[in-house]
């Protein structure tokens, strides 16, 4: 850390201090949903943990490739140090899986979203359809790359499919 830089307790702390306003405030909820252009992602939090949603595309990251949404879920009680967060990057897509992978990759590389408290990192592509034939290795190769380079679990999901934390 450079001299004079503030030490943040989490990605949520950093985004808030830097002036970014969430789409859904940090609060306890049992289900988090984000949607755009008819695509919907739903996350069930097992214990109704605190969660918050930020728009990434066009707000936190204005230029270049970036995913649509960032969902942060605090898995430790408020005030407990060190904090532990689940960080979920969501790309809501029609069917261009290659482009979705590139958008998530670019977002994961952004230092703004890196913090030691994010010990559960996930990337989700929510799409109408995925390549059906097994000869298309796009998702399998991307899953391996994301696990190796970002310690991130990448998955494709159908719109409306629910995921449990």
C-alpha atoms as a PDB file:
ATOM      1  CA  UNK A   1       0.000   0.000   0.000  1.00  0.00           C
ATOM      2  CA  UNK A   2       1.296   3.429  -0.932  1.00  0.00           C
ATOM      3  CA  UNK A   3       1.718   6.138   1.627  1.00  0.00           C
ATOM      4  CA  UNK A   4      -1.459   8.119   2.177  1.00  0.00           C
ATOM      5  CA  UNK A   5      -3.704   5.435   0.655  1.00  0.00           C
ATOM      6  CA  UNK A   6      -6.687   4.353   2.694  1.00  0.00           C
ATOM      7  CA  UNK A   7      -6.916   0.718   3.708  1.00  0.00           C
ATOM      8  CA  UNK A   8     -10.367  -0.629   2.901  1.00  0.00           C
ATOM      9  CA  UNK A   9     -12.067  -3.363   4.927  1.00  0.00           C
ATOM     10  CA  UNK A  10     -13.779  -4.806   1.829  1.00  0.00           C
ATOM     11  CA  UNK A  11     -14.730  -4.181  -1.789  1.00  0.00           C
ATOM     12  CA  UNK A  12     -18.058  -2.836  -0.486  1.00  0.00           C
ATOM     13  CA  UNK A  13     -16.191  -0.366   1.746  1.00  0.00           C
ATOM     14  CA  UNK A  14     -13.995   0.748  -1.163  1.00  0.00           C
ATOM     15  CA  UNK A  15     -16.862   1.242  -3.615  1.00  0.00           C
ATOM     16  CA  UNK A  16     -18.891   3.150  -1.014  1.00  0.00           C
ATOM     17  CA  UNK A  17     -16.005   5.408   0.040  1.00  0.00           C
ATOM     18  CA  UNK A  18     -15.186   6.117  -3.618  1.00  0.00           C
ATOM     19  CA  UNK A  19     -18.739   7.391  -4.089  1.00  0.00           C
ATOM     20  CA  UNK A  20     -20.469   4.550  -5.916  1.00  0.00           C
ATOM     21  CA  UNK A  21     -24.127   4.112  -4.991  1.00  0.00           C
ATOM     22  CA  UNK A  22     -25.601   0.628  -5.017  1.00  0.00           C
ATOM     23  CA  UNK A  23     -28.689  -0.403  -7.004  1.00  0.00           C
ATOM     24  CA  UNK A  24     -29.844  -2.455  -4.015  1.00  0.00           C
ATOM     25  CA  UNK A  25     -28.709  -1.252  -0.576  1.00  0.00           C
ATOM     26  CA  UNK A  26     -26.744  -3.429   1.829  1.00  0.00           C
ATOM     27  CA  UNK A  27     -29.389  -5.222   3.863  1.00  0.00           C
ATOM     28  CA  UNK A  28     -30.393  -8.664   5.028  1.00  0.00           C
ATOM     29  CA  UNK A  29     -32.355 -10.557   2.392  1.00  0.00           C
ATOM     30  CA  UNK A  30     -32.991 -14.204   1.697  1.00  0.00           C
ATOM     31  CA  UNK A  31     -33.074 -13.747  -2.085  1.00  0.00           C
ATOM     32  CA  UNK A  32     -31.146 -11.382  -4.345  1.00  0.00           C
ATOM     33  CA  UNK A  33     -32.303 -10.915  -7.928  1.00  0.00           C
ATOM     34  CA  UNK A  34     -30.859  -8.856 -10.755  1.00  0.00           C
ATOM     35  CA  UNK A  35     -32.346  -8.532 -14.205  1.00  0.00           C
ATOM     36  CA  UNK A  36     -31.842  -6.769 -17.501  1.00  0.00           C
ATOM     37  CA  UNK A  37     -33.486  -7.115 -20.916  1.00  0.00           C
ATOM     38  CA  UNK A  38     -35.543 -10.136 -19.890  1.00  0.00           C
ATOM     39  CA  UNK A  39     -32.610 -12.038 -18.319  1.00  0.00           C
ATOM     40  CA  UNK A  40     -32.747 -12.714 -14.573  1.00  0.00           C
ATOM     41  CA  UNK A  41     -30.252 -14.032 -12.011  1.00  0.00           C
ATOM     42  CA  UNK A  42     -31.436 -15.117  -8.556  1.00  0.00           C
ATOM     43  CA  UNK A  43     -29.274 -15.940  -5.533  1.00  0.00           C
ATOM     44  CA  UNK A  44     -30.717 -17.538  -2.401  1.00  0.00           C
ATOM     45  CA  UNK A  45     -28.723 -16.688   0.733  1.00  0.00           C
ATOM     46  CA  UNK A  46     -29.069 -19.544   3.188  1.00  0.00           C
ATOM     47  CA  UNK A  47     -29.120 -17.404   6.322  1.00  0.00           C
ATOM     48  CA  UNK A  48     -30.520 -14.153   4.949  1.00  0.00           C
ATOM     49  CA  UNK A  49     -27.083 -12.557   4.930  1.00  0.00           C
ATOM     50  CA  UNK A  50     -26.469  -8.899   4.107  1.00  0.00           C
ATOM     51  CA  UNK A  51     -26.179  -8.365   0.367  1.00  0.00           C
ATOM     52  CA  UNK A  52     -25.742  -5.425  -1.980  1.00  0.00           C
ATOM     53  CA  UNK A  53     -25.899  -5.014  -5.769  1.00  0.00           C
ATOM     54  CA  UNK A  54     -23.876  -2.584  -7.874  1.00  0.00           C
ATOM     55  CA  UNK A  55     -24.204  -1.815 -11.584  1.00  0.00           C
ATOM     56  CA  UNK A  56     -20.776  -2.321 -13.160  1.00  0.00           C
ATOM     57  CA  UNK A  57     -21.540  -1.735 -16.852  1.00  0.00           C
ATOM     58  CA  UNK A  58     -21.659   1.990 -17.604  1.00  0.00           C
ATOM     59  CA  UNK A  59     -21.412   3.035 -13.950  1.00  0.00           C
ATOM     60  CA  UNK A  60     -18.433   1.683 -12.004  1.00  0.00           C
ATOM     61  CA  UNK A  61     -16.646   0.786 -15.248  1.00  0.00           C
ATOM     62  CA  UNK A  62     -17.597   3.099 -18.099  1.00  0.00           C
ATOM     63  CA  UNK A  63     -15.163   2.046 -20.827  1.00  0.00           C
ATOM     64  CA  UNK A  64     -13.988  -1.229 -22.298  1.00  0.00           C
ATOM     65  CA  UNK A  65     -15.298  -4.676 -21.540  1.00  0.00           C
ATOM     66  CA  UNK A  66     -17.162  -5.153 -18.248  1.00  0.00           C
ATOM     67  CA  UNK A  67     -19.889  -7.332 -16.782  1.00  0.00           C
ATOM     68  CA  UNK A  68     -23.386  -6.106 -15.946  1.00  0.00           C
ATOM     69  CA  UNK A  69     -23.707  -6.490 -12.170  1.00  0.00           C
ATOM     70  CA  UNK A  70     -21.716  -7.119  -9.009  1.00  0.00           C
ATOM     71  CA  UNK A  71     -23.448  -8.852  -6.101  1.00  0.00           C
ATOM     72  CA  UNK A  72     -21.628  -8.797  -2.761  1.00  0.00           C
ATOM     73  CA  UNK A  73     -22.779 -10.955   0.152  1.00  0.00           C
ATOM     74  CA  UNK A  74     -21.286 -10.454   3.626  1.00  0.00           C
ATOM     75  CA  UNK A  75     -20.937 -13.844   5.282  1.00  0.00           C
ATOM     76  CA  UNK A  76     -19.667 -12.578   8.644  1.00  0.00           C
ATOM     77  CA  UNK A  77     -21.690 -10.597  11.195  1.00  0.00           C
ATOM     78  CA  UNK A  78     -21.375  -6.822  10.854  1.00  0.00           C
ATOM     79  CA  UNK A  79     -18.325  -5.522  12.704  1.00  0.00           C
ATOM     80  CA  UNK A  80     -16.517  -8.867  12.847  1.00  0.00           C
ATOM     81  CA  UNK A  81     -12.961  -8.535  11.565  1.00  0.00           C
ATOM     82  CA  UNK A  82     -11.744  -9.850   9.219  1.00  0.00           C
ATOM     83  CA  UNK A  83     -14.827  -9.620   7.046  1.00  0.00           C
ATOM     84  CA  UNK A  84     -15.618 -12.477   4.655  1.00  0.00           C
ATOM     85  CA  UNK A  85     -17.528 -11.735   1.458  1.00  0.00           C
ATOM     86  CA  UNK A  86     -18.835 -13.642  -1.529  1.00  0.00           C
ATOM     87  CA  UNK A  87     -18.257 -11.661  -4.705  1.00  0.00           C
ATOM     88  CA  UNK A  88     -20.470 -12.555  -7.683  1.00  0.00           C
ATOM     89  CA  UNK A  89     -19.936 -11.033 -11.107  1.00  0.00           C
ATOM     90  CA  UNK A  90     -23.035 -11.414 -13.290  1.00  0.00           C
ATOM     91  CA  UNK A  91     -23.276 -11.072 -17.065  1.00  0.00           C
ATOM     92  CA  UNK A  92     -26.829 -11.169 -18.422  1.00  0.00           C
ATOM     93  CA  UNK A  93     -26.557 -12.278 -22.044  1.00  0.00           C
ATOM     94  CA  UNK A  94     -28.630 -13.423 -24.990  1.00  0.00           C
ATOM     95  CA  UNK A  95     -26.370 -16.091 -26.458  1.00  0.00           C
ATOM     96  CA  UNK A  96     -22.875 -14.681 -27.230  1.00  0.00           C
ATOM     97  CA  UNK A  97     -20.982 -16.738 -24.663  1.00  0.00           C
ATOM     98  CA  UNK A  98     -17.516 -15.804 -25.997  1.00  0.00           C
ATOM     99  CA  UNK A  99     -18.273 -12.116 -25.461  1.00  0.00           C
ATOM    100  CA  UNK A 100     -19.714 -12.804 -22.000  1.00  0.00           C
ATOM    101  CA  UNK A 101     -16.517 -14.638 -20.996  1.00  0.00           C
ATOM    102  CA  UNK A 102     -14.406 -11.711 -22.260  1.00  0.00           C
ATOM    103  CA  UNK A 103     -16.532  -9.220 -20.296  1.00  0.00           C
ATOM    104  CA  UNK A 104     -16.211 -11.205 -17.074  1.00  0.00           C
ATOM    105  CA  UNK A 105     -12.476 -11.718 -17.588  1.00  0.00           C
ATOM    106  CA  UNK A 106     -11.913  -7.967 -18.028  1.00  0.00           C
ATOM    107  CA  UNK A 107     -13.957  -7.176 -14.916  1.00  0.00           C
ATOM    108  CA  UNK A 108     -12.096  -9.734 -12.796  1.00  0.00           C
ATOM    109  CA  UNK A 109      -8.783  -8.151 -13.848  1.00  0.00           C
ATOM    110  CA  UNK A 110      -9.896  -4.738 -12.569  1.00  0.00           C
ATOM    111  CA  UNK A 111      -8.009  -3.974  -9.320  1.00  0.00           C
ATOM    112  CA  UNK A 112     -11.038  -2.104  -7.955  1.00  0.00           C
ATOM    113  CA  UNK A 113     -12.720  -5.459  -7.292  1.00  0.00           C
ATOM    114  CA  UNK A 114      -9.760  -7.240  -5.666  1.00  0.00           C
ATOM    115  CA  UNK A 115      -9.703  -7.511  -1.873  1.00  0.00           C
ATOM    116  CA  UNK A 116      -8.574 -10.242   0.558  1.00  0.00           C
ATOM    117  CA  UNK A 117     -12.036 -10.311   2.182  1.00  0.00           C
ATOM    118  CA  UNK A 118     -13.459 -11.715  -1.087  1.00  0.00           C
ATOM    119  CA  UNK A 119     -12.695 -15.358  -0.354  1.00  0.00           C
ATOM    120  CA  UNK A 120     -15.556 -16.744  -2.463  1.00  0.00           C
ATOM    121  CA  UNK A 121     -15.435 -15.384  -6.014  1.00  0.00           C
ATOM    122  CA  UNK A 122     -17.971 -16.426  -8.626  1.00  0.00           C
ATOM    123  CA  UNK A 123     -18.735 -15.390 -12.191  1.00  0.00           C
ATOM    124  CA  UNK A 124     -22.102 -16.173 -13.732  1.00  0.00           C
ATOM    125  CA  UNK A 125     -23.239 -15.987 -17.330  1.00  0.00           C
ATOM    126  CA  UNK A 126     -27.022 -15.921 -17.456  1.00  0.00           C
ATOM    127  CA  UNK A 127     -28.125 -16.649 -21.013  1.00  0.00           C
ATOM    128  CA  UNK A 128     -31.081 -17.760 -23.080  1.00  0.00           C
ATOM    129  CA  UNK A 129     -28.981 -20.540 -24.580  1.00  0.00           C
ATOM    130  CA  UNK A 130     -25.530 -22.084 -24.462  1.00  0.00           C
ATOM    131  CA  UNK A 131     -23.663 -24.016 -27.163  1.00  0.00           C
ATOM    132  CA  UNK A 132     -25.344 -27.429 -27.133  1.00  0.00           C
ATOM    133  CA  UNK A 133     -22.705 -29.476 -28.873  1.00  0.00           C
ATOM    134  CA  UNK A 134     -19.880 -30.917 -26.780  1.00  0.00           C
ATOM    135  CA  UNK A 135     -17.313 -30.027 -29.441  1.00  0.00           C
ATOM    136  CA  UNK A 136     -17.520 -26.354 -28.346  1.00  0.00           C
ATOM    137  CA  UNK A 137     -14.945 -26.077 -25.540  1.00  0.00           C
ATOM    138  CA  UNK A 138     -15.571 -22.369 -24.811  1.00  0.00           C
ATOM    139  CA  UNK A 139     -17.100 -22.735 -21.354  1.00  0.00           C
ATOM    140  CA  UNK A 140     -14.914 -25.626 -20.182  1.00  0.00           C
ATOM    141  CA  UNK A 141     -11.712 -23.798 -21.148  1.00  0.00           C
ATOM    142  CA  UNK A 142     -12.962 -20.572 -19.561  1.00  0.00           C
ATOM    143  CA  UNK A 143     -13.883 -22.402 -16.321  1.00  0.00           C
ATOM    144  CA  UNK A 144     -10.326 -23.758 -16.034  1.00  0.00           C
ATOM    145  CA  UNK A 145      -8.810 -20.357 -16.833  1.00  0.00           C
ATOM    146  CA  UNK A 146     -10.991 -18.512 -14.291  1.00  0.00           C
ATOM    147  CA  UNK A 147     -10.217 -21.061 -11.568  1.00  0.00           C
ATOM    148  CA  UNK A 148      -6.466 -20.850 -12.243  1.00  0.00           C
ATOM    149  CA  UNK A 149      -6.070 -17.096 -12.824  1.00  0.00           C
ATOM    150  CA  UNK A 150      -8.758 -15.594 -10.594  1.00  0.00           C
ATOM    151  CA  UNK A 151      -9.619 -18.361  -8.058  1.00  0.00           C
ATOM    152  CA  UNK A 152     -13.106 -17.874  -9.461  1.00  0.00           C
ATOM    153  CA  UNK A 153     -15.932 -20.345 -10.070  1.00  0.00           C
ATOM    154  CA  UNK A 154     -17.400 -19.648 -13.539  1.00  0.00           C
ATOM    155  CA  UNK A 155     -20.775 -21.120 -14.471  1.00  0.00           C
ATOM    156  CA  UNK A 156     -23.413 -20.699 -17.109  1.00  0.00           C
ATOM    157  CA  UNK A 157     -27.012 -20.480 -15.967  1.00  0.00           C
ATOM    158  CA  UNK A 158     -30.381 -20.268 -17.659  1.00  0.00           C
ATOM    159  CA  UNK A 159     -32.381 -17.123 -17.029  1.00  0.00           C
ATOM    160  CA  UNK A 160     -34.473 -17.477 -13.876  1.00  0.00           C
ATOM    161  CA  UNK A 161     -32.450 -20.436 -12.572  1.00  0.00           C
ATOM    162  CA  UNK A 162     -31.796 -19.972  -8.845  1.00  0.00           C
ATOM    163  CA  UNK A 163     -28.465 -20.515  -7.128  1.00  0.00           C
ATOM    164  CA  UNK A 164     -27.812 -21.078  -3.421  1.00  0.00           C
ATOM    165  CA  UNK A 165     -24.943 -19.466  -1.592  1.00  0.00           C
END
